[in-house]
Amino acid sequence: MADVRIDDKILTEKGLNTGAAEAKTLLLACGALAREILAVIEANGWTHLALHCLPAILHNSPQGIPDAVEAAVLEHRPNYDEIFVVYADCGTGGQLQQRCEDLGVKMMAGPHCYAFFDGVETFEAREEFTAFYLTDFLVRQFDAFVWKPLGLDRYPDLLETYFGNYTKLVHLAQTDDPALTEKASVCAARLGLEFEHRATGYGELTPELARIRP
């Protein structure tokens, strides 16, 4: 997987760590949310929060997420008063939530980040069973996280197998970036899907993090 640049930081398979020295709470997060979490922290001046990200590529094998989260919790727990897991269920079938309960740490609510960006209740009420979702991160990393892992660069005939039951691609946009919107539209065309742009901002991410007090 290629490195992902977040402003002047690099997110690699080794993850990303950032935060003020006085931080009391560690946000243990999916690397796909790093840019958004850093933006929310900076916008609110939250010096009590530090961030450690696990590789976003774990989403391609979600069965590995609970073990990776547990290992990170055990590693970092001695250094913080609290750890908050910024993952939703993310395809773990409830295993991540159970693991967090066993470890005594809290986590984001919802089935996946698409839901909490859109608003969990709103997302579930839409019942968009034939929609394929991309966040800003996934638009930027479309080839690395969608096209190549599915083998579509080598076996384009698989496109119908993977996406034949989808009708549209929905870009859940965290930022107002016309170039990114255009790239999302191109992604939809590559998949043979209709395109919808939905400006969500950071959704429920900001209020969830705001509940973590210094």
Protein backbone atom coordinates (compact mmCIF):
# COMPACT_ATOMS: atom_id res chain seq x y z
CA MET A 1 0.00 0.00 0.00
CA ALA A 2 1.30 3.45 -0.85
CA ASP A 3 1.80 5.98 1.94
CA VAL A 4 -1.06 8.40 2.50
CA ARG A 5 -0.03 12.02 3.02
CA ILE A 6 -2.00 14.00 5.57
CA ASP A 7 -0.76 17.56 5.24
CA ASP A 8 2.85 17.27 6.45
CA LYS A 9 2.37 13.83 8.01
CA ILE A 10 2.67 10.41 6.47
CA LEU A 11 0.33 7.54 7.31
CA THR A 12 1.91 4.19 6.53
CA GLU A 13 1.32 0.58 7.44
CA LYS A 14 2.98 1.41 10.76
CA GLY A 15 0.20 3.82 11.63
CA LEU A 16 0.26 7.43 12.75
CA ASN A 17 0.78 8.97 16.16
CA THR A 18 0.18 12.59 16.98
CA GLY A 19 -0.92 14.64 19.95
CA ALA A 20 0.11 17.12 22.60
CA ALA A 21 2.36 15.91 25.39
CA GLU A 22 -0.34 16.78 27.95
CA ALA A 23 -2.99 14.64 26.24
CA LYS A 24 -4.99 12.50 28.69
CA THR A 25 -7.09 10.55 26.20
CA LEU A 26 -5.89 8.50 23.25
CA LEU A 27 -8.09 8.22 20.19
CA LEU A 28 -7.39 4.82 18.70
CA ALA A 29 -8.68 5.16 15.18
CA CYS A 30 -8.89 3.73 11.71
CA GLY A 31 -6.31 5.31 9.43
CA ALA A 32 -9.09 6.20 6.99
CA LEU A 33 -10.32 8.76 9.55
CA ALA A 34 -6.96 10.34 10.39
CA ARG A 35 -7.35 13.49 8.30
CA GLU A 36 -10.86 14.16 9.61
CA ILE A 37 -9.98 13.52 13.26
CA LEU A 38 -6.94 15.79 13.07
CA ALA A 39 -9.09 18.52 11.49
CA VAL A 40 -11.70 18.27 14.25
CA ILE A 41 -9.03 18.33 16.99
CA GLU A 42 -7.32 21.35 15.46
CA ALA A 43 -10.56 23.26 14.86
CA ASN A 44 -11.56 22.86 18.51
CA GLY A 45 -8.12 23.27 20.07
CA TRP A 46 -8.42 20.00 21.97
CA THR A 47 -5.01 19.49 23.51
CA HIS A 48 -6.31 16.71 25.78
CA LEU A 49 -6.64 14.32 22.83
CA ALA A 50 -3.88 12.34 21.12
CA LEU A 51 -4.31 10.17 18.06
CA HIS A 52 -2.97 6.77 17.10
CA CYS A 53 -4.16 5.26 13.84
CA LEU A 54 -4.13 1.66 12.74
CA PRO A 55 -3.63 0.92 9.02
CA ALA A 56 -6.75 1.67 6.99
CA ILE A 57 -6.07 -1.41 4.87
CA LEU A 58 -7.42 -3.51 7.76
CA HIS A 59 -10.84 -2.80 6.29
CA ASN A 60 -10.02 -5.24 3.51
CA SER A 61 -9.81 -7.98 6.17
CA PRO A 62 -12.10 -6.76 8.98
CA GLN A 63 -11.75 -9.99 10.92
CA GLY A 64 -8.33 -8.66 11.93
CA ILE A 65 -9.61 -5.38 13.37
CA PRO A 66 -10.55 -6.63 16.89
CA ASP A 67 -7.13 -8.19 17.48
CA ALA A 68 -5.33 -5.11 16.15
CA VAL A 69 -7.41 -2.82 18.35
CA GLU A 70 -6.82 -5.00 21.41
CA ALA A 71 -3.07 -5.05 20.83
CA ALA A 72 -3.00 -1.26 20.51
CA VAL A 73 -5.14 -0.75 23.62
CA LEU A 74 -2.84 -2.95 25.69
CA GLU A 75 0.24 -1.21 24.32
CA HIS A 76 -0.92 2.35 24.94
CA ARG A 77 -3.15 1.99 28.00
CA PRO A 78 -0.34 2.66 30.54
CA ASN A 79 0.26 6.11 29.04
CA TYR A 80 -3.29 7.51 29.08
CA ASP A 81 -6.19 7.96 31.45
CA GLU A 82 -8.66 6.86 28.79
CA ILE A 83 -8.73 5.27 25.34
CA PHE A 84 -11.60 5.90 22.91
CA VAL A 85 -11.87 3.66 19.85
CA VAL A 86 -12.82 5.61 16.72
CA TYR A 87 -14.09 2.67 14.74
CA ALA A 88 -17.67 1.68 14.11
CA ASP A 89 -18.50 -2.03 13.74
CA CYS A 90 -16.76 -1.94 10.34
CA GLY A 91 -17.74 -5.42 9.21
CA THR A 92 -16.64 -7.24 12.36
CA GLY A 93 -20.12 -8.62 13.08
CA GLY A 94 -20.23 -7.21 16.60
CA GLN A 95 -16.85 -8.65 17.54
CA LEU A 96 -15.18 -5.26 17.86
CA GLN A 97 -17.85 -3.97 20.22
CA GLN A 98 -17.55 -7.10 22.35
CA ARG A 99 -13.79 -6.79 22.43
CA CYS A 100 -14.03 -3.15 23.49
CA GLU A 101 -16.46 -4.07 26.25
CA ASP A 102 -14.08 -6.78 27.43
CA LEU A 103 -11.23 -4.25 27.46
CA GLY A 104 -13.33 -1.61 29.18
CA VAL A 105 -13.01 1.01 26.46
CA LYS A 106 -15.70 2.97 24.62
CA MET A 107 -16.12 3.16 20.84
CA MET A 108 -18.10 4.99 18.17
CA ALA A 109 -21.65 3.85 17.60
CA GLY A 110 -22.91 2.68 14.21
CA PRO A 111 -22.28 0.02 11.60
CA HIS A 112 -19.44 1.87 9.84
CA CYS A 113 -18.02 5.33 9.18
CA TYR A 114 -20.44 5.92 6.31
CA ALA A 115 -23.25 5.86 8.86
CA PHE A 116 -21.74 8.23 11.41
CA PHE A 117 -20.67 10.69 8.71
CA ASP A 118 -24.21 10.70 7.32
CA GLY A 119 -25.78 10.45 10.79
CA VAL A 120 -26.59 6.93 11.98
CA GLU A 121 -30.37 7.36 12.17
CA THR A 122 -30.49 9.21 8.85
CA PHE A 123 -28.29 6.62 7.18
CA GLU A 124 -30.34 3.69 8.40
CA ALA A 125 -33.61 5.39 7.42
CA ARG A 126 -32.42 5.80 3.82
CA GLU A 127 -32.25 2.01 3.31
CA GLU A 128 -29.96 2.46 0.30
CA PHE A 129 -29.28 -1.19 -0.25
CA THR A 130 -27.95 -0.68 -3.80
CA ALA A 131 -25.62 2.24 -3.01
CA PHE A 132 -21.83 2.01 -2.89
CA TYR A 133 -20.27 4.61 -0.60
CA LEU A 134 -17.01 6.49 -0.75
CA THR A 135 -15.73 8.95 1.85
CA ASP A 136 -13.16 11.60 0.94
CA PHE A 137 -10.42 9.19 2.00
CA LEU A 138 -11.71 6.41 -0.24
CA VAL A 139 -12.04 8.76 -3.20
CA ARG A 140 -8.41 9.77 -2.77
CA GLN A 141 -7.33 6.15 -2.34
CA PHE A 142 -9.80 4.54 -4.75
CA ASP A 143 -7.22 2.54 -6.66
CA ALA A 144 -5.36 1.38 -3.56
CA PHE A 145 -8.43 0.40 -1.52
CA VAL A 146 -11.05 -0.55 -4.11
CA TRP A 147 -9.85 -1.06 -7.68
CA LYS A 148 -6.64 -3.03 -7.11
CA PRO A 149 -7.68 -5.11 -4.07
CA LEU A 150 -10.70 -6.34 -6.01
CA GLY A 151 -8.44 -7.25 -8.92
CA LEU A 152 -10.24 -4.97 -11.34
CA ASP A 153 -6.93 -3.67 -12.68
CA ARG A 154 -6.12 -7.22 -13.80
CA TYR A 155 -9.55 -8.76 -14.37
CA PRO A 156 -11.98 -6.06 -15.54
CA ASP A 157 -14.59 -8.71 -16.28
CA LEU A 158 -15.10 -8.99 -12.51
CA LEU A 159 -16.75 -5.56 -12.48
CA GLU A 160 -20.21 -7.02 -13.11
CA THR A 161 -19.65 -9.69 -10.47
CA TYR A 162 -18.78 -7.16 -7.77
CA PHE A 163 -21.02 -4.24 -8.72
CA GLY A 164 -23.84 -5.72 -10.78
CA ASN A 165 -26.32 -5.26 -7.92
CA TYR A 166 -25.37 -1.66 -7.20
CA THR A 167 -27.14 1.25 -8.87
CA LYS A 168 -25.25 4.32 -7.65
CA LEU A 169 -22.07 5.54 -6.01
CA VAL A 170 -22.61 8.03 -3.18
CA HIS A 171 -19.75 10.34 -2.27
CA LEU A 172 -20.16 11.24 1.40
CA ALA A 173 -18.07 14.41 1.32
CA GLN A 174 -16.37 15.66 4.47
CA THR A 175 -14.96 18.71 2.68
CA ASP A 176 -16.03 21.08 -0.07
CA ASP A 177 -13.47 20.15 -2.69
CA PRO A 178 -14.60 20.38 -6.34
CA ALA A 179 -11.56 18.42 -7.54
CA LEU A 180 -12.38 15.59 -5.15
CA THR A 181 -16.03 15.64 -6.22
CA GLU A 182 -14.92 15.33 -9.83
CA LYS A 183 -12.67 12.42 -8.94
CA ALA A 184 -15.57 10.71 -7.16
CA SER A 185 -17.68 11.18 -10.28
CA VAL A 186 -14.94 9.51 -12.32
CA CYS A 187 -14.90 6.62 -9.84
CA ALA A 188 -18.63 6.17 -10.35
CA ALA A 189 -18.19 6.13 -14.12
CA ARG A 190 -15.43 3.53 -13.83
CA LEU A 191 -17.80 1.31 -11.87
CA GLY A 192 -20.69 1.94 -14.27
CA LEU A 193 -22.82 3.53 -11.54
CA GLU A 194 -24.89 6.67 -11.21
CA PHE A 195 -23.26 9.37 -9.11
CA GLU A 196 -24.57 11.26 -6.10
CA HIS A 197 -22.63 13.83 -4.09
CA ARG A 198 -23.75 14.24 -0.48
CA ALA A 199 -22.11 16.89 1.69
CA THR A 200 -22.00 15.43 5.20
CA GLY A 201 -19.14 17.30 6.80
CA TYR A 202 -17.81 15.38 9.78
CA GLY A 203 -21.27 14.17 10.77
CA GLU A 204 -21.40 12.71 14.26
CA LEU A 205 -17.63 12.61 14.61
CA THR A 206 -17.39 16.07 16.16
CA PRO A 207 -20.12 15.67 18.81
CA GLU A 208 -18.81 12.21 19.74
CA LEU A 209 -15.30 13.54 20.33
CA ALA A 210 -16.69 16.61 22.12
CA ARG A 211 -18.08 14.31 24.81
CA ILE A 212 -14.56 13.37 25.83
CA ARG A 213 -13.73 15.85 28.55
CA PRO A 214 -10.23 16.99 29.59
